[in-house]
Amino acid sequence: MSQVIVREAVPHDVPALRELMLAYIVDFYQYPAPEEDKLNALIHKLLDQIVGIQFVAVAEDGGLVGFATLYFTYSTLRATQVTVMNDLFVVASERGKDVAAKLFLACKAYSAKHGYGNMSWVTARDNARAQAFYDKMGGQRSDWQDYSIDPAGSPE
């Protein structure tokens, strides 16, 4: 495995974590960059570990090369708290070096240690590399279909 260390994000990670998140949002998923204050507010909420938590992958030189985000929520069907791994991102130069596996396993271990009933996640339909990774990690494909809506928009 890679010499990368995975740990919980801490306040001094914020500038580098912000850059990683922008690479994930803008470069990887080609979404518009969020407003800076909104992204900063999200990062700080996750640092408080009330709504979720972020893990970072730290290279030997101290630079961040990846992150994963877990959000805390509930499942009515399971009648328990669950986690949703909303993000797992590794910079291109570190892909294929087990960094993603370390981030994934940190999320799984955190969920188990804190008694969450389930950890779930989604990935883009065309992200075959991520799907193969999640299959390898033991993920089970869901029978559920994901939907989303802009609450301020109108149905088409």
C-alpha atoms as a PDB file:
ATOM      1  CA  MET A   1       0.000   0.000   0.000  1.00  0.00           C
ATOM      2  CA  SER A   2       0.959   3.619  -0.482  1.00  0.00           C
ATOM      3  CA  GLN A   3       2.893   5.526   2.200  1.00  0.00           C
ATOM      4  CA  VAL A   4      -0.070   7.873   2.477  1.00  0.00           C
ATOM      5  CA  ILE A   5      -1.569   8.341   5.939  1.00  0.00           C
ATOM      6  CA  VAL A   6      -5.331   8.806   6.340  1.00  0.00           C
ATOM      7  CA  ARG A   7      -6.622  10.797   9.294  1.00  0.00           C
ATOM      8  CA  GLU A   8      -9.526  13.028  10.279  1.00  0.00           C
ATOM      9  CA  ALA A   9      -9.336  16.523   8.811  1.00  0.00           C
ATOM     10  CA  VAL A  10      -8.179  19.256  11.205  1.00  0.00           C
ATOM     11  CA  PRO A  11      -8.342  23.072  10.973  1.00  0.00           C
ATOM     12  CA  HIS A  12      -4.874  23.521   9.458  1.00  0.00           C
ATOM     13  CA  ASP A  13      -5.995  21.338   6.506  1.00  0.00           C
ATOM     14  CA  VAL A  14      -8.621  23.865   5.391  1.00  0.00           C
ATOM     15  CA  PRO A  15      -6.691  25.649   2.598  1.00  0.00           C
ATOM     16  CA  ALA A  16      -5.443  22.403   0.992  1.00  0.00           C
ATOM     17  CA  LEU A  17      -8.766  20.659   1.576  1.00  0.00           C
ATOM     18  CA  ARG A  18     -10.611  23.535  -0.115  1.00  0.00           C
ATOM     19  CA  GLU A  19      -8.333  23.126  -3.174  1.00  0.00           C
ATOM     20  CA  LEU A  20      -8.948  19.361  -3.263  1.00  0.00           C
ATOM     21  CA  MET A  21     -12.688  19.881  -2.997  1.00  0.00           C
ATOM     22  CA  LEU A  22     -12.611  22.395  -5.852  1.00  0.00           C
ATOM     23  CA  ALA A  23     -10.629  19.932  -7.990  1.00  0.00           C
ATOM     24  CA  TYR A  24     -13.273  17.316  -7.219  1.00  0.00           C
ATOM     25  CA  ILE A  25     -16.231  19.603  -7.896  1.00  0.00           C
ATOM     26  CA  VAL A  26     -14.956  21.623 -10.865  1.00  0.00           C
ATOM     27  CA  ASP A  27     -12.317  19.489 -12.565  1.00  0.00           C
ATOM     28  CA  PHE A  28     -13.559  15.955 -11.920  1.00  0.00           C
ATOM     29  CA  TYR A  29     -17.349  16.384 -11.942  1.00  0.00           C
ATOM     30  CA  GLN A  30     -17.331  19.598 -14.031  1.00  0.00           C
ATOM     31  CA  TYR A  31     -19.787  21.397 -11.749  1.00  0.00           C
ATOM     32  CA  PRO A  32     -19.602  25.148 -11.233  1.00  0.00           C
ATOM     33  CA  ALA A  33     -17.424  26.243  -8.333  1.00  0.00           C
ATOM     34  CA  PRO A  34     -19.528  26.916  -5.250  1.00  0.00           C
ATOM     35  CA  GLU A  35     -19.372  30.314  -3.603  1.00  0.00           C
ATOM     36  CA  GLU A  36     -16.227  30.494  -1.480  1.00  0.00           C
ATOM     37  CA  ASP A  37     -18.114  31.296   1.733  1.00  0.00           C
ATOM     38  CA  LYS A  38     -20.460  28.337   1.211  1.00  0.00           C
ATOM     39  CA  LEU A  39     -17.588  25.909   0.644  1.00  0.00           C
ATOM     40  CA  ASN A  40     -15.741  27.263   3.690  1.00  0.00           C
ATOM     41  CA  ALA A  41     -18.897  26.963   5.813  1.00  0.00           C
ATOM     42  CA  LEU A  42     -19.334  23.340   4.731  1.00  0.00           C
ATOM     43  CA  ILE A  43     -15.733  22.462   5.540  1.00  0.00           C
ATOM     44  CA  HIS A  44     -16.064  24.034   9.006  1.00  0.00           C
ATOM     45  CA  LYS A  45     -19.357  22.203   9.692  1.00  0.00           C
ATOM     46  CA  LEU A  46     -17.579  18.957   8.886  1.00  0.00           C
ATOM     47  CA  LEU A  47     -14.653  19.884  11.131  1.00  0.00           C
ATOM     48  CA  ASP A  48     -17.181  20.269  13.970  1.00  0.00           C
ATOM     49  CA  GLN A  49     -18.253  16.642  13.295  1.00  0.00           C
ATOM     50  CA  ILE A  50     -21.925  17.312  13.972  1.00  0.00           C
ATOM     51  CA  VAL A  51     -23.387  16.719  10.514  1.00  0.00           C
ATOM     52  CA  GLY A  52     -20.503  14.629   9.214  1.00  0.00           C
ATOM     53  CA  ILE A  53     -16.762  14.164   9.107  1.00  0.00           C
ATOM     54  CA  GLN A  54     -13.987  14.406   6.553  1.00  0.00           C
ATOM     55  CA  PHE A  55     -10.926  12.246   6.252  1.00  0.00           C
ATOM     56  CA  VAL A  56      -7.811  13.352   4.395  1.00  0.00           C
ATOM     57  CA  ALA A  57      -5.033  11.375   2.754  1.00  0.00           C
ATOM     58  CA  VAL A  58      -1.657  12.910   3.570  1.00  0.00           C
ATOM     59  CA  ALA A  59       1.423  12.191   1.428  1.00  0.00           C
ATOM     60  CA  GLU A  60       4.913  11.798   2.851  1.00  0.00           C
ATOM     61  CA  ASP A  61       5.665  15.452   2.014  1.00  0.00           C
ATOM     62  CA  GLY A  62       2.644  16.559   4.092  1.00  0.00           C
ATOM     63  CA  GLY A  63       0.480  17.515   1.119  1.00  0.00           C
ATOM     64  CA  LEU A  64      -3.110  16.350   0.848  1.00  0.00           C
ATOM     65  CA  VAL A  65      -3.753  13.902  -1.992  1.00  0.00           C
ATOM     66  CA  GLY A  66      -7.336  12.872  -1.293  1.00  0.00           C
ATOM     67  CA  PHE A  67     -10.368  13.196   0.913  1.00  0.00           C
ATOM     68  CA  ALA A  68     -13.555  11.381   1.837  1.00  0.00           C
ATOM     69  CA  THR A  69     -16.706  12.808   3.383  1.00  0.00           C
ATOM     70  CA  LEU A  70     -19.183  10.967   5.591  1.00  0.00           C
ATOM     71  CA  TYR A  71     -22.522  12.532   6.449  1.00  0.00           C
ATOM     72  CA  PHE A  72     -24.572  11.375   9.431  1.00  0.00           C
ATOM     73  CA  THR A  73     -28.266  10.713   8.901  1.00  0.00           C
ATOM     74  CA  TYR A  74     -31.016   8.237   9.762  1.00  0.00           C
ATOM     75  CA  SER A  75     -32.657   5.295   8.056  1.00  0.00           C
ATOM     76  CA  THR A  76     -36.323   4.747   8.802  1.00  0.00           C
ATOM     77  CA  LEU A  77     -36.162   1.240   7.326  1.00  0.00           C
ATOM     78  CA  ARG A  78     -33.297   0.324   9.641  1.00  0.00           C
ATOM     79  CA  ALA A  79     -34.600   2.479  12.521  1.00  0.00           C
ATOM     80  CA  THR A  80     -31.055   3.607  13.218  1.00  0.00           C
ATOM     81  CA  GLN A  81     -28.415   6.166  12.360  1.00  0.00           C
ATOM     82  CA  VAL A  82     -26.428   5.563   9.168  1.00  0.00           C
ATOM     83  CA  THR A  83     -23.583   7.230   7.305  1.00  0.00           C
ATOM     84  CA  VAL A  84     -23.506   8.335   3.700  1.00  0.00           C
ATOM     85  CA  MET A  85     -20.091   8.508   2.063  1.00  0.00           C
ATOM     86  CA  ASN A  86     -20.858  11.475  -0.145  1.00  0.00           C
ATOM     87  CA  ASP A  87     -17.350  11.980  -1.518  1.00  0.00           C
ATOM     88  CA  LEU A  88     -14.217   9.956  -2.121  1.00  0.00           C
ATOM     89  CA  PHE A  89     -11.606  11.736  -4.214  1.00  0.00           C
ATOM     90  CA  VAL A  90      -7.931  11.066  -4.918  1.00  0.00           C
ATOM     91  CA  VAL A  91      -5.722  13.278  -7.101  1.00  0.00           C
ATOM     92  CA  ALA A  92      -4.921  11.728 -10.470  1.00  0.00           C
ATOM     93  CA  SER A  93      -1.230  11.140  -9.687  1.00  0.00           C
ATOM     94  CA  GLU A  94      -2.122   8.956  -6.667  1.00  0.00           C
ATOM     95  CA  ARG A  95      -4.889   6.847  -8.215  1.00  0.00           C
ATOM     96  CA  GLY A  96      -4.175   3.133  -8.351  1.00  0.00           C
ATOM     97  CA  LYS A  97      -1.895   3.333  -5.293  1.00  0.00           C
ATOM     98  CA  ASP A  98      -4.436   2.192  -2.658  1.00  0.00           C
ATOM     99  CA  VAL A  99      -5.135   5.740  -1.435  1.00  0.00           C
ATOM    100  CA  ALA A 100      -8.839   5.319  -2.231  1.00  0.00           C
ATOM    101  CA  ALA A 101      -8.872   2.021  -0.339  1.00  0.00           C
ATOM    102  CA  LYS A 102      -7.355   3.678   2.729  1.00  0.00           C
ATOM    103  CA  LEU A 103      -9.932   6.479   2.626  1.00  0.00           C
ATOM    104  CA  PHE A 104     -12.788   4.027   2.103  1.00  0.00           C
ATOM    105  CA  LEU A 105     -11.618   1.794   4.957  1.00  0.00           C
ATOM    106  CA  ALA A 106     -11.311   4.842   7.267  1.00  0.00           C
ATOM    107  CA  CYS A 107     -14.957   5.690   6.536  1.00  0.00           C
ATOM    108  CA  LYS A 108     -16.040   2.089   7.066  1.00  0.00           C
ATOM    109  CA  ALA A 109     -14.069   1.790  10.323  1.00  0.00           C
ATOM    110  CA  TYR A 110     -15.473   5.079  11.639  1.00  0.00           C
ATOM    111  CA  SER A 111     -19.019   3.952  10.833  1.00  0.00           C
ATOM    112  CA  ALA A 112     -18.492   0.620  12.581  1.00  0.00           C
ATOM    113  CA  LYS A 113     -16.706   2.105  15.618  1.00  0.00           C
ATOM    114  CA  HIS A 114     -19.501   4.624  16.186  1.00  0.00           C
ATOM    115  CA  GLY A 115     -22.307   2.075  15.822  1.00  0.00           C
ATOM    116  CA  TYR A 116     -23.856   3.274  12.577  1.00  0.00           C
ATOM    117  CA  GLY A 117     -26.190   0.679  11.087  1.00  0.00           C
ATOM    118  CA  ASN A 118     -25.054   1.095   7.501  1.00  0.00           C
ATOM    119  CA  MET A 119     -22.701   3.053   5.259  1.00  0.00           C
ATOM    120  CA  SER A 120     -23.971   3.863   1.785  1.00  0.00           C
ATOM    121  CA  TRP A 121     -22.735   5.849  -1.208  1.00  0.00           C
ATOM    122  CA  VAL A 122     -23.473   6.578  -4.839  1.00  0.00           C
ATOM    123  CA  THR A 123     -21.299   7.262  -7.851  1.00  0.00           C
ATOM    124  CA  ALA A 124     -21.960   8.491 -11.339  1.00  0.00           C
ATOM    125  CA  ARG A 125     -23.383   5.913 -13.753  1.00  0.00           C
ATOM    126  CA  ASP A 126     -20.492   6.477 -16.153  1.00  0.00           C
ATOM    127  CA  ASN A 127     -17.749   6.225 -13.501  1.00  0.00           C
ATOM    128  CA  ALA A 128     -16.781   2.628 -14.282  1.00  0.00           C
ATOM    129  CA  ARG A 129     -13.467   2.923 -12.423  1.00  0.00           C
ATOM    130  CA  ALA A 130     -15.237   3.882  -9.178  1.00  0.00           C
ATOM    131  CA  GLN A 131     -17.823   1.134  -9.642  1.00  0.00           C
ATOM    132  CA  ALA A 132     -15.078  -1.485 -10.083  1.00  0.00           C
ATOM    133  CA  PHE A 133     -13.340  -0.129  -6.966  1.00  0.00           C
ATOM    134  CA  TYR A 134     -16.508  -0.291  -4.865  1.00  0.00           C
ATOM    135  CA  ASP A 135     -17.232  -3.822  -6.099  1.00  0.00           C
ATOM    136  CA  LYS A 136     -13.676  -4.801  -5.068  1.00  0.00           C
ATOM    137  CA  MET A 137     -14.189  -3.245  -1.631  1.00  0.00           C
ATOM    138  CA  GLY A 138     -17.244  -5.458  -1.048  1.00  0.00           C
ATOM    139  CA  GLY A 139     -19.939  -2.906  -1.807  1.00  0.00           C
ATOM    140  CA  GLN A 140     -23.357  -4.271  -2.688  1.00  0.00           C
ATOM    141  CA  ARG A 141     -25.248  -2.600  -5.514  1.00  0.00           C
ATOM    142  CA  SER A 142     -28.587  -1.261  -4.375  1.00  0.00           C
ATOM    143  CA  ASP A 143     -32.021  -2.058  -5.733  1.00  0.00           C
ATOM    144  CA  TRP A 144     -32.944   1.600  -5.215  1.00  0.00           C
ATOM    145  CA  GLN A 145     -33.004   4.261  -7.919  1.00  0.00           C
ATOM    146  CA  ASP A 146     -31.559   7.625  -6.942  1.00  0.00           C
ATOM    147  CA  TYR A 147     -33.496  10.831  -7.619  1.00  0.00           C
ATOM    148  CA  SER A 148     -32.786  14.480  -6.906  1.00  0.00           C
ATOM    149  CA  ILE A 149     -34.519  17.787  -7.439  1.00  0.00           C
ATOM    150  CA  ASP A 150     -33.722  21.457  -7.134  1.00  0.00           C
ATOM    151  CA  PRO A 151     -36.321  22.544  -4.559  1.00  0.00           C
ATOM    152  CA  ALA A 152     -36.354  26.057  -6.026  1.00  0.00           C
ATOM    153  CA  GLY A 153     -36.912  24.777  -9.561  1.00  0.00           C
ATOM    154  CA  SER A 154     -40.085  23.616 -11.230  1.00  0.00           C
ATOM    155  CA  PRO A 155     -40.718  20.044 -12.438  1.00  0.00           C
ATOM    156  CA  GLU A 156     -40.110  19.590 -16.141  1.00  0.00           C
END
